[in-house]
N, C-alpha and C. Protein backbone atom coordinates (compact mmCIF):
# COMPACT_ATOMS: atom_id res chain seq x y z
N MET A 1 -125.81 163.24 -105.58
CA MET A 1 -125.95 164.44 -104.89
C MET A 1 -125.67 164.25 -103.47
N ASP A 2 -124.63 165.00 -102.93
CA ASP A 2 -124.19 164.85 -101.51
C ASP A 2 -124.92 165.90 -100.61
N LEU A 3 -125.86 165.60 -99.91
CA LEU A 3 -126.59 166.51 -98.97
C LEU A 3 -126.28 166.16 -97.50
N ASN A 4 -125.15 165.29 -97.36
CA ASN A 4 -124.89 164.92 -96.03
C ASN A 4 -124.63 166.18 -95.08
N GLY A 5 -125.35 166.22 -94.01
CA GLY A 5 -125.27 167.43 -93.06
C GLY A 5 -125.90 168.72 -93.42
N ARG A 6 -126.40 168.77 -94.61
CA ARG A 6 -127.03 169.98 -95.00
C ARG A 6 -128.47 170.17 -94.50
N GLY A 7 -129.05 171.36 -94.39
CA GLY A 7 -130.30 171.56 -93.98
C GLY A 7 -131.34 171.84 -95.16
N VAL A 8 -132.38 171.19 -95.17
CA VAL A 8 -133.41 171.24 -96.19
C VAL A 8 -134.76 171.46 -95.54
N ILE A 9 -135.53 172.48 -96.10
CA ILE A 9 -136.88 172.73 -95.73
C ILE A 9 -137.88 172.30 -96.87
N VAL A 10 -138.76 171.41 -96.52
CA VAL A 10 -139.82 170.89 -97.60
C VAL A 10 -141.13 171.33 -97.16
N THR A 11 -141.78 172.17 -98.00
CA THR A 11 -143.18 172.44 -97.69
C THR A 11 -144.04 171.51 -98.41
N GLY A 12 -145.39 171.38 -97.75
CA GLY A 12 -146.24 170.35 -98.35
C GLY A 12 -145.71 168.97 -98.13
N ALA A 13 -144.91 168.82 -97.12
CA ALA A 13 -144.32 167.46 -96.99
C ALA A 13 -145.01 166.43 -96.13
N GLY A 14 -146.34 166.71 -95.81
CA GLY A 14 -147.04 165.74 -95.06
C GLY A 14 -147.57 164.71 -95.77
N SER A 15 -147.61 164.80 -97.23
CA SER A 15 -147.99 163.67 -98.07
C SER A 15 -147.42 163.96 -99.52
N GLY A 16 -147.77 162.96 -100.40
CA GLY A 16 -147.49 163.12 -101.80
C GLY A 16 -146.07 163.44 -102.11
N ILE A 17 -145.91 164.26 -103.16
CA ILE A 17 -144.54 164.64 -103.69
C ILE A 17 -143.66 165.29 -102.63
N GLY A 18 -144.25 166.11 -101.73
CA GLY A 18 -143.43 166.80 -100.60
C GLY A 18 -142.92 165.67 -99.66
N ALA A 19 -143.77 164.75 -99.28
CA ALA A 19 -143.23 163.66 -98.42
C ALA A 19 -142.21 162.76 -99.04
N ALA A 20 -142.38 162.52 -100.38
CA ALA A 20 -141.31 161.86 -101.11
C ALA A 20 -140.06 162.50 -101.15
N LEU A 21 -140.10 163.80 -101.41
CA LEU A 21 -138.90 164.65 -101.47
C LEU A 21 -138.18 164.66 -100.10
N ALA A 22 -138.99 164.79 -99.04
CA ALA A 22 -138.41 164.80 -97.67
C ALA A 22 -137.68 163.42 -97.42
N ARG A 23 -138.30 162.35 -97.96
CA ARG A 23 -137.72 160.94 -97.58
C ARG A 23 -136.42 160.95 -98.49
N ARG A 24 -136.46 161.39 -99.62
CA ARG A 24 -135.18 161.33 -100.55
C ARG A 24 -134.15 162.17 -100.02
N PHE A 25 -134.40 163.33 -99.52
CA PHE A 25 -133.40 164.33 -98.97
C PHE A 25 -132.78 163.77 -97.76
N ALA A 26 -133.65 163.11 -96.88
CA ALA A 26 -133.13 162.46 -95.64
C ALA A 26 -132.21 161.21 -95.97
N GLY A 27 -132.60 160.53 -97.06
CA GLY A 27 -131.88 159.40 -97.56
C GLY A 27 -130.52 159.78 -98.04
N LEU A 28 -130.39 160.98 -98.48
CA LEU A 28 -129.07 161.56 -98.97
C LEU A 28 -128.26 162.36 -97.90
N GLY A 29 -128.78 162.19 -96.66
CA GLY A 29 -128.06 162.66 -95.56
C GLY A 29 -128.33 163.98 -95.00
N ALA A 30 -129.36 164.62 -95.63
CA ALA A 30 -129.80 166.02 -95.17
C ALA A 30 -130.52 165.93 -93.87
N HIS A 31 -130.48 167.05 -93.13
CA HIS A 31 -131.39 167.39 -91.97
C HIS A 31 -132.60 168.06 -92.56
N VAL A 32 -133.71 167.43 -92.41
CA VAL A 32 -134.92 167.85 -93.05
C VAL A 32 -136.00 168.44 -92.10
N ALA A 33 -136.49 169.61 -92.46
CA ALA A 33 -137.56 170.25 -91.78
C ALA A 33 -138.80 170.04 -92.52
N ILE A 34 -139.93 169.46 -92.02
CA ILE A 34 -141.14 169.11 -92.72
C ILE A 34 -142.13 170.23 -92.26
N ILE A 35 -142.62 170.86 -93.33
CA ILE A 35 -143.75 171.81 -93.08
C ILE A 35 -144.98 171.35 -93.91
N ASP A 36 -146.10 171.39 -93.19
CA ASP A 36 -147.36 171.16 -93.81
C ASP A 36 -148.46 171.63 -92.94
N ARG A 37 -149.61 171.95 -93.49
CA ARG A 37 -150.76 172.27 -92.62
C ARG A 37 -151.37 171.30 -91.76
N ASP A 38 -151.20 170.11 -92.20
CA ASP A 38 -151.66 168.82 -91.44
C ASP A 38 -150.66 168.47 -90.32
N ALA A 39 -150.95 168.86 -89.13
CA ALA A 39 -149.95 168.46 -88.08
C ALA A 39 -149.65 167.20 -87.79
N ASP A 40 -150.73 166.25 -87.86
CA ASP A 40 -150.46 164.85 -87.72
C ASP A 40 -149.61 164.31 -88.86
N ALA A 41 -149.90 164.71 -90.06
CA ALA A 41 -149.10 164.22 -91.15
C ALA A 41 -147.62 164.69 -91.07
N THR A 42 -147.51 165.95 -90.63
CA THR A 42 -146.20 166.53 -90.56
C THR A 42 -145.38 165.82 -89.56
N LYS A 43 -145.95 165.47 -88.42
CA LYS A 43 -145.25 164.67 -87.37
C LYS A 43 -144.88 163.27 -87.86
N ALA A 44 -145.86 162.72 -88.51
CA ALA A 44 -145.61 161.33 -89.02
C ALA A 44 -144.41 161.18 -89.80
N VAL A 45 -144.33 162.03 -90.84
CA VAL A 45 -143.15 162.11 -91.79
C VAL A 45 -141.93 162.40 -91.16
N ALA A 46 -142.04 163.42 -90.30
CA ALA A 46 -140.82 163.80 -89.55
C ALA A 46 -140.27 162.70 -88.68
N ASP A 47 -141.16 162.02 -87.99
CA ASP A 47 -140.71 160.77 -87.11
C ASP A 47 -140.15 159.78 -88.01
N GLU A 48 -140.69 159.54 -89.16
CA GLU A 48 -140.19 158.52 -90.04
C GLU A 48 -138.75 158.65 -90.50
N ILE A 49 -138.45 159.97 -90.74
CA ILE A 49 -137.08 160.31 -91.23
C ILE A 49 -136.17 160.97 -90.23
N ALA A 50 -136.57 161.00 -89.02
CA ALA A 50 -135.88 161.70 -87.83
C ALA A 50 -135.62 163.15 -88.36
N GLY A 51 -136.64 163.74 -88.78
CA GLY A 51 -136.76 165.16 -89.21
C GLY A 51 -137.32 166.08 -88.22
N LEU A 52 -137.56 167.34 -88.49
CA LEU A 52 -138.08 168.37 -87.71
C LEU A 52 -139.55 168.63 -88.13
N ALA A 53 -140.47 168.48 -87.41
CA ALA A 53 -141.82 168.70 -87.80
C ALA A 53 -142.24 170.20 -87.48
N LEU A 54 -142.63 170.91 -88.45
CA LEU A 54 -143.03 172.25 -88.26
C LEU A 54 -144.50 172.43 -88.93
N PRO A 55 -145.45 172.12 -88.20
CA PRO A 55 -146.93 172.29 -88.72
C PRO A 55 -147.21 173.82 -88.87
N GLY A 56 -147.77 174.13 -90.04
CA GLY A 56 -148.16 175.41 -90.35
C GLY A 56 -148.47 175.73 -91.79
N ASP A 57 -149.01 176.82 -91.96
CA ASP A 57 -149.28 177.33 -93.33
C ASP A 57 -148.43 178.30 -93.95
N VAL A 58 -147.65 177.94 -94.91
CA VAL A 58 -146.64 178.86 -95.38
C VAL A 58 -147.25 180.08 -96.10
N SER A 59 -148.52 180.12 -96.37
CA SER A 59 -149.14 181.31 -97.01
C SER A 59 -149.34 182.37 -95.93
N ASP A 60 -149.16 182.07 -94.70
CA ASP A 60 -149.08 183.07 -93.55
C ASP A 60 -147.82 183.92 -93.57
N PRO A 61 -147.81 185.19 -93.92
CA PRO A 61 -146.52 185.82 -93.97
C PRO A 61 -145.67 185.83 -92.74
N ASP A 62 -146.30 185.51 -91.61
CA ASP A 62 -145.47 185.57 -90.42
C ASP A 62 -144.81 184.15 -90.17
N ILE A 63 -145.23 183.18 -90.88
CA ILE A 63 -144.78 181.83 -90.59
C ILE A 63 -143.29 181.54 -91.15
N MET A 64 -143.10 181.87 -92.40
CA MET A 64 -141.86 181.49 -93.04
C MET A 64 -140.65 182.17 -92.36
N PRO A 65 -140.62 183.40 -91.95
CA PRO A 65 -139.47 183.89 -91.22
C PRO A 65 -139.17 183.10 -89.92
N MET A 66 -140.37 182.70 -89.27
CA MET A 66 -140.17 181.95 -88.01
C MET A 66 -139.61 180.58 -88.38
N PHE A 67 -140.07 179.82 -89.37
CA PHE A 67 -139.58 178.47 -89.70
C PHE A 67 -138.04 178.63 -90.04
N THR A 68 -137.69 179.64 -90.87
CA THR A 68 -136.33 179.84 -91.21
C THR A 68 -135.44 180.12 -90.06
N SER A 69 -135.95 180.86 -89.10
CA SER A 69 -135.21 181.07 -87.89
C SER A 69 -134.96 179.83 -87.11
N ILE A 70 -136.01 179.06 -87.03
CA ILE A 70 -135.89 177.81 -86.16
C ILE A 70 -134.93 176.84 -86.88
N THR A 71 -134.93 176.66 -88.23
CA THR A 71 -134.18 175.78 -88.88
C THR A 71 -132.66 176.19 -88.91
N GLU A 72 -132.39 177.53 -88.87
CA GLU A 72 -131.09 177.95 -88.91
C GLU A 72 -130.35 177.72 -87.56
N ASP A 73 -131.01 177.47 -86.46
CA ASP A 73 -130.41 177.22 -85.18
C ASP A 73 -130.13 175.70 -85.16
């Protein structure tokens, strides 16, 4: 799968399966935005893969449009 230069948003990416997916997508060349409620974990994974840390709770209806807007820029 060629994700080189593509943008990917991974929710729950501060740990577990979400973090593993973020690492995998980054390894495939994607620009990855990491979203998780745990701000420290979000930053740690984003720093590890040179991704974008977006701490927050996706169940908040105001958050996802904001995250989508940020990642489109």
